[in-house]
Amino acid sequence: MRRIDAIGIGLGVFIAGGLVYLLLQLAGLDSLNAGIWSQALLVGGLVGWLLTYLFRAVSHNMTYHQQREQYEEAYLQKRLEELSPEELAEIQAEIEQEEQHKV
């Protein structure tokens, strides 16, 4: 995320809070209650967003993790394609030997 994006999001949240405050006042709440409820809604939204972020971070379901996994798979696939048939057979024999030692 670029700096201008973060500034835009912050400004958007600030404006949204003001609009919610004005709408609550138009709905008939006095300024004190409208301020409390608008803050409660903004904090509730922030906590909700934070929980979804934490869930994605813990479950590794974020763009960075997905891109890294795709890169590693593509890198390993390219390396595998570059191996000669002799090298591939040698690696396969080593894997089979290790599997036999584990059993």
N, C-alpha and C. Protein backbone atom coordinates (compact mmCIF):
# COMPACT_ATOMS: atom_id res chain seq x y z
N MET A 1 0.84 -1.17 0.00
CA MET A 1 0.00 0.00 0.00
C MET A 1 0.90 1.24 0.00
N ARG A 2 0.54 2.14 -0.86
CA ARG A 2 1.32 3.37 -0.93
C ARG A 2 0.87 4.34 0.15
N ARG A 3 1.71 5.32 0.40
CA ARG A 3 1.42 6.32 1.43
C ARG A 3 0.15 7.08 1.09
N ILE A 4 -0.04 7.44 -0.17
CA ILE A 4 -1.23 8.19 -0.57
C ILE A 4 -2.49 7.37 -0.36
N ASP A 5 -2.39 6.03 -0.52
CA ASP A 5 -3.54 5.16 -0.27
C ASP A 5 -3.92 5.19 1.20
N ALA A 6 -2.92 5.12 2.08
CA ALA A 6 -3.18 5.16 3.52
C ALA A 6 -3.80 6.50 3.91
N ILE A 7 -3.31 7.58 3.33
CA ILE A 7 -3.88 8.91 3.62
C ILE A 7 -5.33 8.97 3.14
N GLY A 8 -5.58 8.44 1.95
CA GLY A 8 -6.94 8.42 1.41
C GLY A 8 -7.90 7.61 2.26
N ILE A 9 -7.44 6.46 2.73
CA ILE A 9 -8.29 5.62 3.59
C ILE A 9 -8.58 6.34 4.90
N GLY A 10 -7.55 6.94 5.50
CA GLY A 10 -7.75 7.68 6.74
C GLY A 10 -8.71 8.84 6.56
N LEU A 11 -8.57 9.56 5.48
CA LEU A 11 -9.47 10.68 5.19
C LEU A 11 -10.89 10.18 4.95
N GLY A 12 -11.01 9.06 4.25
CA GLY A 12 -12.33 8.47 4.01
C GLY A 12 -13.03 8.05 5.29
N VAL A 13 -12.28 7.45 6.20
CA VAL A 13 -12.86 7.04 7.49
C VAL A 13 -13.28 8.27 8.29
N PHE A 14 -12.46 9.31 8.27
CA PHE A 14 -12.78 10.55 8.97
C PHE A 14 -14.06 11.17 8.43
N ILE A 15 -14.20 11.22 7.11
CA ILE A 15 -15.39 11.79 6.48
C ILE A 15 -16.62 10.91 6.77
N ALA A 16 -16.43 9.58 6.72
CA ALA A 16 -17.54 8.66 7.01
C ALA A 16 -18.04 8.86 8.44
N GLY A 17 -17.11 9.05 9.38
CA GLY A 17 -17.52 9.30 10.77
C GLY A 17 -18.33 10.57 10.89
N GLY A 18 -17.91 11.61 10.17
CA GLY A 18 -18.66 12.87 10.20
C GLY A 18 -20.04 12.72 9.58
N LEU A 19 -20.12 11.97 8.49
CA LEU A 19 -21.42 11.76 7.86
C LEU A 19 -22.37 10.96 8.75
N VAL A 20 -21.84 9.94 9.41
CA VAL A 20 -22.66 9.15 10.34
C VAL A 20 -23.15 10.04 11.47
N TYR A 21 -22.28 10.91 11.98
CA TYR A 21 -22.66 11.85 13.05
C TYR A 21 -23.80 12.75 12.58
N LEU A 22 -23.68 13.30 11.37
CA LEU A 22 -24.72 14.19 10.85
C LEU A 22 -26.03 13.44 10.60
N LEU A 23 -25.93 12.22 10.07
CA LEU A 23 -27.14 11.43 9.85
C LEU A 23 -27.84 11.08 11.15
N LEU A 24 -27.06 10.78 12.18
CA LEU A 24 -27.68 10.48 13.48
C LEU A 24 -28.34 11.71 14.07
N GLN A 25 -27.74 12.88 13.87
CA GLN A 25 -28.36 14.11 14.34
C GLN A 25 -29.65 14.39 13.57
N LEU A 26 -29.63 14.13 12.25
CA LEU A 26 -30.85 14.32 11.46
C LEU A 26 -31.93 13.32 11.85
N ALA A 27 -31.52 12.16 12.35
CA ALA A 27 -32.48 11.14 12.78
C ALA A 27 -33.12 11.49 14.12
N GLY A 28 -32.61 12.53 14.78
CA GLY A 28 -33.26 12.97 16.01
C GLY A 28 -32.42 12.83 17.26
N LEU A 29 -31.21 12.32 17.18
CA LEU A 29 -30.37 12.21 18.37
C LEU A 29 -29.73 13.56 18.67
N ASP A 30 -29.53 13.84 19.96
CA ASP A 30 -28.82 15.07 20.30
C ASP A 30 -27.34 14.90 19.97
N SER A 31 -26.56 15.96 20.02
CA SER A 31 -25.17 15.91 19.56
C SER A 31 -24.33 14.96 20.40
N LEU A 32 -24.58 14.86 21.70
CA LEU A 32 -23.80 13.96 22.55
C LEU A 32 -24.03 12.51 22.17
N ASN A 33 -25.29 12.11 22.06
CA ASN A 33 -25.60 10.72 21.70
C ASN A 33 -25.17 10.40 20.27
N ALA A 34 -25.32 11.35 19.37
CA ALA A 34 -24.89 11.13 17.99
C ALA A 34 -23.37 10.92 17.94
N GLY A 35 -22.62 11.67 18.74
CA GLY A 35 -21.17 11.51 18.80
C GLY A 35 -20.77 10.15 19.37
N ILE A 36 -21.46 9.75 20.43
CA ILE A 36 -21.16 8.44 21.05
C ILE A 36 -21.46 7.31 20.07
N TRP A 37 -22.61 7.35 19.42
CA TRP A 37 -22.97 6.28 18.51
C TRP A 37 -22.10 6.25 17.26
N SER A 38 -21.73 7.42 16.76
CA SER A 38 -20.86 7.43 15.58
C SER A 38 -19.48 6.86 15.93
N GLN A 39 -18.98 7.19 17.11
CA GLN A 39 -17.70 6.62 17.55
C GLN A 39 -17.82 5.12 17.76
N ALA A 40 -18.94 4.69 18.34
CA ALA A 40 -19.14 3.26 18.58
C ALA A 40 -19.17 2.50 17.25
N LEU A 41 -19.84 3.06 16.24
CA LEU A 41 -19.90 2.39 14.94
C LEU A 41 -18.52 2.33 14.29
N LEU A 42 -17.76 3.41 14.38
CA LEU A 42 -16.43 3.41 13.78
C LEU A 42 -15.49 2.45 14.50
N VAL A 43 -15.54 2.40 15.80
CA VAL A 43 -14.69 1.47 16.56
C VAL A 43 -15.12 0.04 16.27
N GLY A 44 -16.43 -0.21 16.20
CA GLY A 44 -16.91 -1.55 15.86
C GLY A 44 -16.43 -1.98 14.48
N GLY A 45 -16.47 -1.06 13.51
CA GLY A 45 -15.97 -1.37 12.18
C GLY A 45 -14.48 -1.66 12.19
N LEU A 46 -13.73 -0.89 12.96
CA LEU A 46 -12.28 -1.10 13.06
C LEU A 46 -11.96 -2.45 13.70
N VAL A 47 -12.67 -2.80 14.75
CA VAL A 47 -12.44 -4.09 15.41
C VAL A 47 -12.81 -5.23 14.46
N GLY A 48 -13.92 -5.08 13.72
CA GLY A 48 -14.31 -6.11 12.75
C GLY A 48 -13.25 -6.29 11.68
N TRP A 49 -12.73 -5.18 11.14
CA TRP A 49 -11.68 -5.26 10.12
C TRP A 49 -10.43 -5.92 10.69
N LEU A 50 -10.07 -5.55 11.93
CA LEU A 50 -8.89 -6.12 12.57
C LEU A 50 -9.03 -7.63 12.75
N LEU A 51 -10.22 -8.08 13.13
CA LEU A 51 -10.43 -9.53 13.30
C LEU A 51 -10.31 -10.27 11.97
N THR A 52 -10.83 -9.69 10.89
CA THR A 52 -10.70 -10.36 9.59
C THR A 52 -9.23 -10.39 9.16
N TYR A 53 -8.50 -9.31 9.44
CA TYR A 53 -7.07 -9.26 9.10
C TYR A 53 -6.30 -10.32 9.88
N LEU A 54 -6.56 -10.41 11.18
CA LEU A 54 -5.86 -11.40 12.00
C LEU A 54 -6.18 -12.82 11.53
N PHE A 55 -7.44 -13.07 11.16
CA PHE A 55 -7.82 -14.40 10.68
C PHE A 55 -7.06 -14.73 9.40
N ARG A 56 -6.98 -13.77 8.46
CA ARG A 56 -6.25 -14.01 7.21
C ARG A 56 -4.76 -14.20 7.46
N ALA A 57 -4.21 -13.46 8.42
CA ALA A 57 -2.78 -13.58 8.72
C ALA A 57 -2.46 -14.93 9.35
N VAL A 58 -3.30 -15.37 10.27
CA VAL A 58 -3.07 -16.65 10.95
C VAL A 58 -3.27 -17.82 9.99
N SER A 59 -4.26 -17.72 9.10
CA SER A 59 -4.54 -18.82 8.18
C SER A 59 -3.68 -18.75 6.92
N HIS A 60 -2.75 -17.80 6.85
CA HIS A 60 -1.85 -17.62 5.70
C HIS A 60 -2.65 -17.45 4.41
N ASN A 61 -3.77 -16.77 4.48
CA ASN A 61 -4.62 -16.54 3.32
C ASN A 61 -4.48 -15.09 2.86
N MET A 62 -3.25 -14.61 2.83
CA MET A 62 -3.00 -13.24 2.42
C MET A 62 -2.29 -13.25 1.07
N THR A 63 -2.38 -12.15 0.36
CA THR A 63 -1.81 -12.05 -0.98
C THR A 63 -0.32 -12.38 -0.97
N TYR A 64 0.42 -11.88 0.02
CA TYR A 64 1.87 -12.11 0.07
C TYR A 64 2.17 -13.61 0.13
N HIS A 65 1.48 -14.32 1.01
CA HIS A 65 1.73 -15.76 1.17
C HIS A 65 1.39 -16.51 -0.12
N GLN A 66 0.28 -16.14 -0.75
CA GLN A 66 -0.12 -16.81 -1.98
C GLN A 66 0.88 -16.55 -3.09
N GLN A 67 1.34 -15.31 -3.22
CA GLN A 67 2.32 -14.98 -4.24
C GLN A 67 3.63 -15.72 -4.00
N ARG A 68 4.04 -15.81 -2.75
CA ARG A 68 5.29 -16.51 -2.43
C ARG A 68 5.20 -17.99 -2.76
N GLU A 69 4.07 -18.61 -2.41
CA GLU A 69 3.89 -20.03 -2.72
C GLU A 69 3.92 -20.26 -4.23
N GLN A 70 3.25 -19.39 -5.00
CA GLN A 70 3.23 -19.53 -6.45
C GLN A 70 4.64 -19.36 -7.02
N TYR A 71 5.39 -18.40 -6.48
CA TYR A 71 6.76 -18.18 -6.95
C TYR A 71 7.62 -19.40 -6.67
N GLU A 72 7.53 -19.95 -5.45
CA GLU A 72 8.34 -21.11 -5.10
C GLU A 72 8.00 -22.31 -5.97
N GLU A 73 6.71 -22.52 -6.22
CA GLU A 73 6.31 -23.64 -7.07
C GLU A 73 6.84 -23.46 -8.49
N ALA A 74 6.73 -22.25 -9.03
CA ALA A 74 7.22 -21.99 -10.39
C ALA A 74 8.73 -22.14 -10.45
N TYR A 75 9.44 -21.69 -9.41
CA TYR A 75 10.89 -21.81 -9.37
C TYR A 75 11.31 -23.28 -9.35
N LEU A 76 10.67 -24.05 -8.48
CA LEU A 76 11.02 -25.47 -8.39
C LEU A 76 10.67 -26.21 -9.68
N GLN A 77 9.55 -25.85 -10.30
CA GLN A 77 9.17 -26.49 -11.56
C GLN A 77 10.19 -26.18 -12.64
N LYS A 78 10.66 -24.93 -12.70
CA LYS A 78 11.67 -24.56 -13.69
C LYS A 78 12.97 -25.31 -13.46
N ARG A 79 13.39 -25.42 -12.19
CA ARG A 79 14.61 -26.16 -11.87
C ARG A 79 14.47 -27.63 -12.24
N LEU A 80 13.29 -28.18 -12.01
CA LEU A 80 13.04 -29.58 -12.34
C LEU A 80 13.12 -29.79 -13.85
N GLU A 81 12.60 -28.84 -14.63
CA GLU A 81 12.64 -28.97 -16.08
C GLU A 81 14.07 -28.83 -16.62
N GLU A 82 14.94 -28.13 -15.90
CA GLU A 82 16.32 -27.93 -16.34
C GLU A 82 17.21 -29.15 -16.09
N LEU A 83 16.76 -30.06 -15.23
CA LEU A 83 17.57 -31.24 -14.91
C LEU A 83 17.63 -32.19 -16.10
N SER A 84 18.78 -32.79 -16.26
CA SER A 84 18.93 -33.81 -17.30
C SER A 84 18.26 -35.10 -16.81
N PRO A 85 17.95 -36.01 -17.72
CA PRO A 85 17.33 -37.28 -17.29
C PRO A 85 18.21 -38.05 -16.30
N GLU A 86 19.53 -37.96 -16.45
CA GLU A 86 20.43 -38.66 -15.53
C GLU A 86 20.35 -38.06 -14.13
N GLU A 87 20.35 -36.72 -14.07
CA GLU A 87 20.27 -36.07 -12.77
C GLU A 87 18.93 -36.36 -12.10
N LEU A 88 17.87 -36.37 -12.89
CA LEU A 88 16.55 -36.66 -12.37
C LEU A 88 16.47 -38.09 -11.81
N ALA A 89 17.06 -39.04 -12.52
CA ALA A 89 17.07 -40.43 -12.07
C ALA A 89 17.90 -40.56 -10.79
N GLU A 90 19.01 -39.80 -10.70
CA GLU A 90 19.84 -39.84 -9.50
C GLU A 90 19.09 -39.31 -8.28
N ILE A 91 18.38 -38.22 -8.47
CA ILE A 91 17.61 -37.64 -7.36
C ILE A 91 16.49 -38.60 -6.94
N GLN A 92 15.83 -39.20 -7.92
CA GLN A 92 14.76 -40.14 -7.61
C GLN A 92 15.31 -41.35 -6.84
N ALA A 93 16.48 -41.82 -7.20
CA ALA A 93 17.10 -42.94 -6.49
C ALA A 93 17.43 -42.55 -5.05
N GLU A 94 17.92 -41.34 -4.85
CA GLU A 94 18.21 -40.86 -3.49
C GLU A 94 16.94 -40.79 -2.65
N ILE A 95 15.86 -40.32 -3.22
CA ILE A 95 14.59 -40.22 -2.49
C ILE A 95 14.09 -41.60 -2.11
N GLU A 96 14.16 -42.54 -3.05
CA GLU A 96 13.72 -43.91 -2.75
C GLU A 96 14.58 -44.54 -1.67
N GLN A 97 15.88 -44.25 -1.68
CA GLN A 97 16.79 -44.80 -0.67
C GLN A 97 16.45 -44.22 0.71
N GLU A 98 16.16 -42.92 0.77
CA GLU A 98 15.79 -42.30 2.04
C GLU A 98 14.48 -42.85 2.57
N GLU A 99 13.53 -43.13 1.68
CA GLU A 99 12.24 -43.67 2.09
C GLU A 99 12.41 -45.08 2.65
N GLN A 100 13.32 -45.86 2.08
CA GLN A 100 13.57 -47.21 2.57
C GLN A 100 14.21 -47.19 3.95
N HIS A 101 15.06 -46.21 4.23
CA HIS A 101 15.71 -46.10 5.53
C HIS A 101 14.73 -45.67 6.62
N LYS A 102 13.70 -44.93 6.24
CA LYS A 102 12.69 -44.47 7.20
C LYS A 102 11.81 -45.63 7.66
N VAL A 103 11.59 -46.58 6.79
CA VAL A 103 10.68 -47.71 7.11
C VAL A 103 11.40 -48.71 7.91
